[in-house]
């Protein structure tokens, strides 16, 4: 079981180093994406694309989209 926790600690250290650019260990577990700073407009566009991707079949059946495609 120690091997598992050692590998988890190595992985968190690696991700912390990659995302923050710091090589020192600040905390054992934390948010892996703390070093990424997204713009609000980027987040909104990403969410819109996810919604379109998830509901693409239902959206393609609507009359508005059918008229736009023609």
PDB file of N, CA and C in Angstrom:
ATOM      1  N   UNK A   1       0.832  -1.193   0.000  1.00  0.00           N
ATOM      2  CA  UNK A   1       0.000   0.000   0.000  1.00  0.00           C
ATOM      3  C   UNK A   1       0.873   1.253   0.000  1.00  0.00           C
ATOM      4  N   UNK A   2       2.074   1.168   0.553  1.00  0.00           N
ATOM      5  CA  UNK A   2       2.970   2.327   0.539  1.00  0.00           C
ATOM      6  C   UNK A   2       3.362   2.706  -0.887  1.00  0.00           C
ATOM      7  N   UNK A   3       3.481   1.691  -1.750  1.00  0.00           N
ATOM      8  CA  UNK A   3       3.834   1.972  -3.138  1.00  0.00           C
ATOM      9  C   UNK A   3       2.763   2.843  -3.802  1.00  0.00           C
ATOM     10  N   UNK A   4       1.488   2.563  -3.505  1.00  0.00           N
ATOM     11  CA  UNK A   4       0.391   3.348  -4.064  1.00  0.00           C
ATOM     12  C   UNK A   4       0.494   4.814  -3.640  1.00  0.00           C
ATOM     13  N   UNK A   5       0.705   5.056  -2.345  1.00  0.00           N
ATOM     14  CA  UNK A   5       0.783   6.431  -1.863  1.00  0.00           C
ATOM     15  C   UNK A   5       2.032   7.134  -2.374  1.00  0.00           C
ATOM     16  N   UNK A   6       3.121   6.380  -2.538  1.00  0.00           N
ATOM     17  CA  UNK A   6       4.325   6.982  -3.123  1.00  0.00           C
ATOM     18  C   UNK A   6       4.076   7.400  -4.572  1.00  0.00           C
ATOM     19  N   UNK A   7       3.392   6.538  -5.323  1.00  0.00           N
ATOM     20  CA  UNK A   7       3.121   6.883  -6.715  1.00  0.00           C
ATOM     21  C   UNK A   7       2.143   8.059  -6.819  1.00  0.00           C
ATOM     22  N   UNK A   8       1.172   8.144  -5.908  1.00  0.00           N
ATOM     23  CA  UNK A   8       0.254   9.283  -5.900  1.00  0.00           C
ATOM     24  C   UNK A   8       1.009  10.564  -5.562  1.00  0.00           C
ATOM     25  N   UNK A   9       1.905  10.487  -4.618  1.00  0.00           N
ATOM     26  CA  UNK A   9       2.695  11.662  -4.246  1.00  0.00           C
ATOM     27  C   UNK A   9       3.592  12.102  -5.407  1.00  0.00           C
ATOM     28  N   UNK A  10       4.188  11.153  -6.109  1.00  0.00           N
ATOM     29  CA  UNK A  10       5.026  11.492  -7.263  1.00  0.00           C
ATOM     30  C   UNK A  10       4.188  12.132  -8.365  1.00  0.00           C
ATOM     31  N   UNK A  11       2.980  11.612  -8.585  1.00  0.00           N
ATOM     32  CA  UNK A  11       2.112  12.165  -9.628  1.00  0.00           C
ATOM     33  C   UNK A  11       1.678  13.585  -9.282  1.00  0.00           C
ATOM     34  N   UNK A  12       1.293  13.819  -8.024  1.00  0.00           N
ATOM     35  CA  UNK A  12       0.873  15.171  -7.642  1.00  0.00           C
ATOM     36  C   UNK A  12       2.034  16.151  -7.714  1.00  0.00           C
ATOM     37  N   UNK A  13       3.226  15.691  -7.358  1.00  0.00           N
ATOM     38  CA  UNK A  13       4.403  16.551  -7.458  1.00  0.00           C
ATOM     39  C   UNK A  13       4.685  16.884  -8.915  1.00  0.00           C
ATOM     40  N   UNK A  14       4.557  15.887  -9.788  1.00  0.00           N
ATOM     41  CA  UNK A  14       4.785  16.112 -11.214  1.00  0.00           C
ATOM     42  C   UNK A  14       3.785  17.118 -11.778  1.00  0.00           C
ATOM     43  N   UNK A  15       2.492  16.911 -11.509  1.00  0.00           N
ATOM     44  CA  UNK A  15       1.486  17.824 -12.030  1.00  0.00           C
ATOM     45  C   UNK A  15       1.635  19.221 -11.441  1.00  0.00           C
ATOM     46  N   UNK A  16       1.993  19.303 -10.174  1.00  0.00           N
ATOM     47  CA  UNK A  16       2.207  20.603  -9.551  1.00  0.00           C
ATOM     48  C   UNK A  16       3.370  21.322 -10.230  1.00  0.00           C
ATOM     49  N   UNK A  17       4.428  20.584 -10.556  1.00  0.00           N
ATOM     50  CA  UNK A  17       5.582  21.175 -11.221  1.00  0.00           C
ATOM     51  C   UNK A  17       5.228  21.620 -12.628  1.00  0.00           C
ATOM     52  N   UNK A  18       4.462  20.800 -13.347  1.00  0.00           N
ATOM     53  CA  UNK A  18       4.110  21.124 -14.731  1.00  0.00           C
ATOM     54  C   UNK A  18       3.191  22.333 -14.794  1.00  0.00           C
ATOM     55  N   UNK A  19       2.157  22.367 -13.955  1.00  0.00           N
ATOM     56  CA  UNK A  19       1.161  23.427 -14.067  1.00  0.00           C
ATOM     57  C   UNK A  19       1.601  24.741 -13.430  1.00  0.00           C
ATOM     58  N   UNK A  20       2.390  24.696 -12.385  1.00  0.00           N
ATOM     59  CA  UNK A  20       2.790  25.936 -11.731  1.00  0.00           C
ATOM     60  C   UNK A  20       4.185  26.382 -12.126  1.00  0.00           C
ATOM     61  N   UNK A  21       4.994  25.480 -12.629  1.00  0.00           N
ATOM     62  CA  UNK A  21       6.360  25.815 -12.993  1.00  0.00           C
ATOM     63  C   UNK A  21       7.288  25.875 -11.800  1.00  0.00           C
ATOM     64  N   UNK A  22       6.802  25.525 -10.630  1.00  0.00           N
ATOM     65  CA  UNK A  22       7.632  25.534  -9.424  1.00  0.00           C
ATOM     66  C   UNK A  22       8.075  24.113  -9.123  1.00  0.00           C
ATOM     67  N   UNK A  23       9.297  23.979  -8.700  1.00  0.00           N
ATOM     68  CA  UNK A  23       9.834  22.648  -8.437  1.00  0.00           C
ATOM     69  C   UNK A  23       9.727  22.269  -6.965  1.00  0.00           C
ATOM     70  N   UNK A  24       9.378  23.212  -6.109  1.00  0.00           N
ATOM     71  CA  UNK A  24       9.302  22.908  -4.682  1.00  0.00           C
ATOM     72  C   UNK A  24       7.938  22.330  -4.319  1.00  0.00           C
ATOM     73  N   UNK A  25       7.904  21.572  -3.273  1.00  0.00           N
ATOM     74  CA  UNK A  25       6.665  20.937  -2.835  1.00  0.00           C
ATOM     75  C   UNK A  25       5.990  21.851  -1.823  1.00  0.00           C
ATOM     76  N   UNK A  26       4.813  22.363  -2.197  1.00  0.00           N
ATOM     77  CA  UNK A  26       4.093  23.258  -1.304  1.00  0.00           C
ATOM     78  C   UNK A  26       3.043  22.513  -0.494  1.00  0.00           C
ATOM     79  N   UNK A  27       2.345  21.584  -1.132  1.00  0.00           N
ATOM     80  CA  UNK A  27       1.316  20.829  -0.433  1.00  0.00           C
ATOM     81  C   UNK A  27       1.186  19.465  -1.108  1.00  0.00           C
ATOM     82  N   UNK A  28       0.757  18.483  -0.340  1.00  0.00           N
ATOM     83  CA  UNK A  28       0.662  17.127  -0.865  1.00  0.00           C
ATOM     84  C   UNK A  28      -0.440  16.960  -1.884  1.00  0.00           C
ATOM     85  N   UNK A  29      -1.640  17.357  -1.534  1.00  0.00           N
ATOM     86  CA  UNK A  29      -2.765  17.245  -2.445  1.00  0.00           C
ATOM     87  C   UNK A  29      -3.382  18.623  -2.610  1.00  0.00           C
ATOM     88  N   UNK A  30      -3.795  18.893  -3.810  1.00  0.00           N
ATOM     89  CA  UNK A  30      -4.418  20.178  -4.067  1.00  0.00           C
ATOM     90  C   UNK A  30      -5.086  20.168  -5.417  1.00  0.00           C
ATOM     91  N   UNK A  31      -5.522  21.312  -5.840  1.00  0.00           N
ATOM     92  CA  UNK A  31      -6.150  21.430  -7.137  1.00  0.00           C
ATOM     93  C   UNK A  31      -5.078  21.311  -8.206  1.00  0.00           C
ATOM     94  N   UNK A  32      -5.217  20.326  -9.088  1.00  0.00           N
ATOM     95  CA  UNK A  32      -4.216  20.122 -10.123  1.00  0.00           C
ATOM     96  C   UNK A  32      -4.216  21.248 -11.142  1.00  0.00           C
ATOM     97  N   UNK A  33      -5.350  21.928 -11.297  1.00  0.00           N
ATOM     98  CA  UNK A  33      -5.455  22.975 -12.296  1.00  0.00           C
ATOM     99  C   UNK A  33      -5.354  24.361 -11.674  1.00  0.00           C
ATOM    100  N   UNK A  34      -4.683  24.494 -10.554  1.00  0.00           N
ATOM    101  CA  UNK A  34      -4.545  25.784  -9.897  1.00  0.00           C
ATOM    102  C   UNK A  34      -3.667  26.739 -10.672  1.00  0.00           C
ATOM    103  N   UNK A  35      -2.751  26.220 -11.471  1.00  0.00           N
ATOM    104  CA  UNK A  35      -1.848  27.073 -12.231  1.00  0.00           C
ATOM    105  C   UNK A  35      -2.428  27.574 -13.530  1.00  0.00           C
ATOM    106  N   UNK A  36      -3.563  27.029 -13.937  1.00  0.00           N
ATOM    107  CA  UNK A  36      -4.179  27.454 -15.194  1.00  0.00           C
ATOM    108  C   UNK A  36      -5.159  28.584 -14.919  1.00  0.00           C
ATOM    109  N   UNK A  37      -5.013  29.656 -15.651  1.00  0.00           N
ATOM    110  CA  UNK A  37      -5.901  30.803 -15.479  1.00  0.00           C
ATOM    111  C   UNK A  37      -6.688  30.995 -16.765  1.00  0.00           C
ATOM    112  N   UNK A  38      -7.991  30.720 -16.704  1.00  0.00           N
ATOM    113  CA  UNK A  38      -8.840  30.851 -17.866  1.00  0.00           C
ATOM    114  C   UNK A  38      -9.561  32.191 -17.839  1.00  0.00           C
ATOM    115  N   UNK A  39      -9.696  32.750 -18.992  1.00  0.00           N
ATOM    116  CA  UNK A  39     -10.454  33.973 -19.172  1.00  0.00           C
ATOM    117  C   UNK A  39     -11.938  33.626 -19.085  1.00  0.00           C
ATOM    118  N   UNK A  40     -12.765  34.563 -18.618  1.00  0.00           N
ATOM    119  CA  UNK A  40     -14.203  34.293 -18.508  1.00  0.00           C
ATOM    120  C   UNK A  40     -14.822  34.003 -19.870  1.00  0.00           C
ATOM    121  N   UNK A  41     -14.425  34.739 -20.887  1.00  0.00           N
ATOM    122  CA  UNK A  41     -14.989  34.505 -22.215  1.00  0.00           C
ATOM    123  C   UNK A  41     -14.571  33.134 -22.747  1.00  0.00           C
ATOM    124  N   UNK A  42     -13.371  32.707 -22.429  1.00  0.00           N
ATOM    125  CA  UNK A  42     -12.915  31.376 -22.837  1.00  0.00           C
ATOM    126  C   UNK A  42     -13.753  30.291 -22.166  1.00  0.00           C
ATOM    127  N   UNK A  43     -14.071  30.477 -20.898  1.00  0.00           N
ATOM    128  CA  UNK A  43     -14.901  29.504 -20.186  1.00  0.00           C
ATOM    129  C   UNK A  43     -16.308  29.449 -20.771  1.00  0.00           C
ATOM    130  N   UNK A  44     -16.869  30.598 -21.117  1.00  0.00           N
ATOM    131  CA  UNK A  44     -18.218  30.640 -21.687  1.00  0.00           C
ATOM    132  C   UNK A  44     -18.240  29.941 -23.041  1.00  0.00           C
ATOM    133  N   UNK A  45     -17.252  30.206 -23.881  1.00  0.00           N
ATOM    134  CA  UNK A  45     -17.175  29.555 -25.189  1.00  0.00           C
ATOM    135  C   UNK A  45     -16.999  28.051 -25.032  1.00  0.00           C
ATOM    136  N   UNK A  46     -16.183  27.627 -24.087  1.00  0.00           N
ATOM    137  CA  UNK A  46     -15.982  26.198 -23.844  1.00  0.00           C
ATOM    138  C   UNK A  46     -17.271  25.531 -23.400  1.00  0.00           C
ATOM    139  N   UNK A  47     -18.006  26.163 -22.509  1.00  0.00           N
ATOM    140  CA  UNK A  47     -19.278  25.605 -22.038  1.00  0.00           C
ATOM    141  C   UNK A  47     -20.291  25.538 -23.179  1.00  0.00           C
ATOM    142  N   UNK A  48     -20.334  26.569 -24.013  1.00  0.00           N
ATOM    143  CA  UNK A  48     -21.248  26.547 -25.156  1.00  0.00           C
ATOM    144  C   UNK A  48     -20.926  25.404 -26.115  1.00  0.00           C
ATOM    145  N   UNK A  49     -19.635  25.198 -26.396  1.00  0.00           N
ATOM    146  CA  UNK A  49     -19.257  24.096 -27.276  1.00  0.00           C
ATOM    147  C   UNK A  49     -19.586  22.742 -26.651  1.00  0.00           C
ATOM    148  N   UNK A  50     -19.433  22.617 -25.350  1.00  0.00           N
ATOM    149  CA  UNK A  50     -19.802  21.367 -24.688  1.00  0.00           C
ATOM    150  C   UNK A  50     -21.302  21.107 -24.778  1.00  0.00           C
ATOM    151  N   UNK A  51     -22.097  22.143 -24.563  1.00  0.00           N
ATOM    152  CA  UNK A  51     -23.551  21.987 -24.654  1.00  0.00           C
ATOM    153  C   UNK A  51     -23.955  21.616 -26.071  1.00  0.00           C
ATOM    154  N   UNK A  52     -23.359  22.277 -27.058  1.00  0.00           N
ATOM    155  CA  UNK A  52     -23.671  21.946 -28.448  1.00  0.00           C
ATOM    156  C   UNK A  52     -23.254  20.517 -28.767  1.00  0.00           C
ATOM    157  N   UNK A  53     -22.097  20.100 -28.296  1.00  0.00           N
ATOM    158  CA  UNK A  53     -21.635  18.738 -28.554  1.00  0.00           C
ATOM    159  C   UNK A  53     -22.531  17.703 -27.896  1.00  0.00           C
ATOM    160  N   UNK A  54     -22.970  17.973 -26.679  1.00  0.00           N
ATOM    161  CA  UNK A  54     -23.806  17.006 -25.955  1.00  0.00           C
ATOM    162  C   UNK A  54     -25.191  16.899 -26.593  1.00  0.00           C
ATOM    163  N   UNK A  55     -25.771  18.032 -26.990  1.00  0.00           N
ATOM    164  CA  UNK A  55     -27.138  18.040 -27.495  1.00  0.00           C
ATOM    165  C   UNK A  55     -27.196  18.221 -29.014  1.00  0.00           C
ATOM    166  N   UNK A  56     -26.176  17.804 -29.746  1.00  0.00           N
ATOM    167  CA  UNK A  56     -26.137  18.074 -31.183  1.00  0.00           C
ATOM    168  C   UNK A  56     -27.263  17.380 -31.943  1.00  0.00           C
ATOM    169  N   UNK A  57     -27.631  16.166 -31.555  1.00  0.00           N
ATOM    170  CA  UNK A  57     -28.715  15.473 -32.261  1.00  0.00           C
ATOM    171  C   UNK A  57     -30.048  16.189 -32.055  1.00  0.00           C
ATOM    172  N   UNK A  58     -30.321  16.609 -30.839  1.00  0.00           N
ATOM    173  CA  UNK A  58     -31.567  17.316 -30.571  1.00  0.00           C
ATOM    174  C   UNK A  58     -31.593  18.681 -31.263  1.00  0.00           C
ATOM    175  N   UNK A  59     -30.446  19.334 -31.316  1.00  0.00           N
ATOM    176  CA  UNK A  59     -30.389  20.645 -31.978  1.00  0.00           C
ATOM    177  C   UNK A  59     -30.581  20.521 -33.481  1.00  0.00           C
ATOM    178  N   UNK A  60     -30.043  19.463 -34.082  1.00  0.00           N
ATOM    179  CA  UNK A  60     -30.169  19.291 -35.527  1.00  0.00           C
ATOM    180  C   UNK A  60     -31.603  18.993 -35.947  1.00  0.00           C
ATOM    181  N   UNK A  61     -32.435  18.527 -35.044  1.00  0.00           N
ATOM    182  CA  UNK A  61     -33.825  18.221 -35.356  1.00  0.00           C
ATOM    183  C   UNK A  61     -34.723  19.459 -35.324  1.00  0.00           C
ATOM    184  N   UNK A  62     -34.230  20.570 -34.784  1.00  0.00           N
ATOM    185  CA  UNK A  62     -35.068  21.763 -34.670  1.00  0.00           C
ATOM    186  C   UNK A  62     -35.277  22.418 -36.033  1.00  0.00           C
ATOM    187  N   UNK A  63     -36.403  23.095 -36.164  1.00  0.00           N
ATOM    188  CA  UNK A  63     -36.759  23.748 -37.414  1.00  0.00           C
ATOM    189  C   UNK A  63     -35.790  24.876 -37.760  1.00  0.00           C
ATOM    190  N   UNK A  64     -35.330  25.611 -36.759  1.00  0.00           N
ATOM    191  CA  UNK A  64     -34.410  26.732 -36.985  1.00  0.00           C
ATOM    192  C   UNK A  64     -33.104  26.248 -37.620  1.00  0.00           C
ATOM    193  N   UNK A  65     -32.537  25.198 -37.096  1.00  0.00           N
ATOM    194  CA  UNK A  65     -31.268  24.679 -37.615  1.00  0.00           C
ATOM    195  C   UNK A  65     -31.474  24.093 -39.008  1.00  0.00           C
ATOM    196  N   UNK A  66     -32.604  23.399 -39.227  1.00  0.00           N
ATOM    197  CA  UNK A  66     -32.884  22.842 -40.553  1.00  0.00           C
ATOM    198  C   UNK A  66     -32.976  23.965 -41.583  1.00  0.00           C
ATOM    199  N   UNK A  67     -33.603  25.066 -41.225  1.00  0.00           N
ATOM    200  CA  UNK A  67     -33.709  26.197 -42.149  1.00  0.00           C
ATOM    201  C   UNK A  67     -32.353  26.847 -42.402  1.00  0.00           C
ATOM    202  N   UNK A  68     -31.513  26.920 -41.386  1.00  0.00           N
ATOM    203  CA  UNK A  68     -30.183  27.517 -41.555  1.00  0.00           C
ATOM    204  C   UNK A  68     -29.290  26.656 -42.445  1.00  0.00           C
ATOM    205  N   UNK A  69     -29.435  25.340 -42.336  1.00  0.00           N
ATOM    206  CA  UNK A  69     -28.596  24.431 -43.121  1.00  0.00           C
ATOM    207  C   UNK A  69     -28.980  24.471 -44.597  1.00  0.00           C
ATOM    208  N   UNK A  70     -30.285  24.657 -44.875  1.00  0.00           N
ATOM    209  CA  UNK A  70     -30.746  24.710 -46.276  1.00  0.00           C
ATOM    210  C   UNK A  70     -30.284  25.950 -46.913  1.00  0.00           C
TER     211      UNK A  70
END
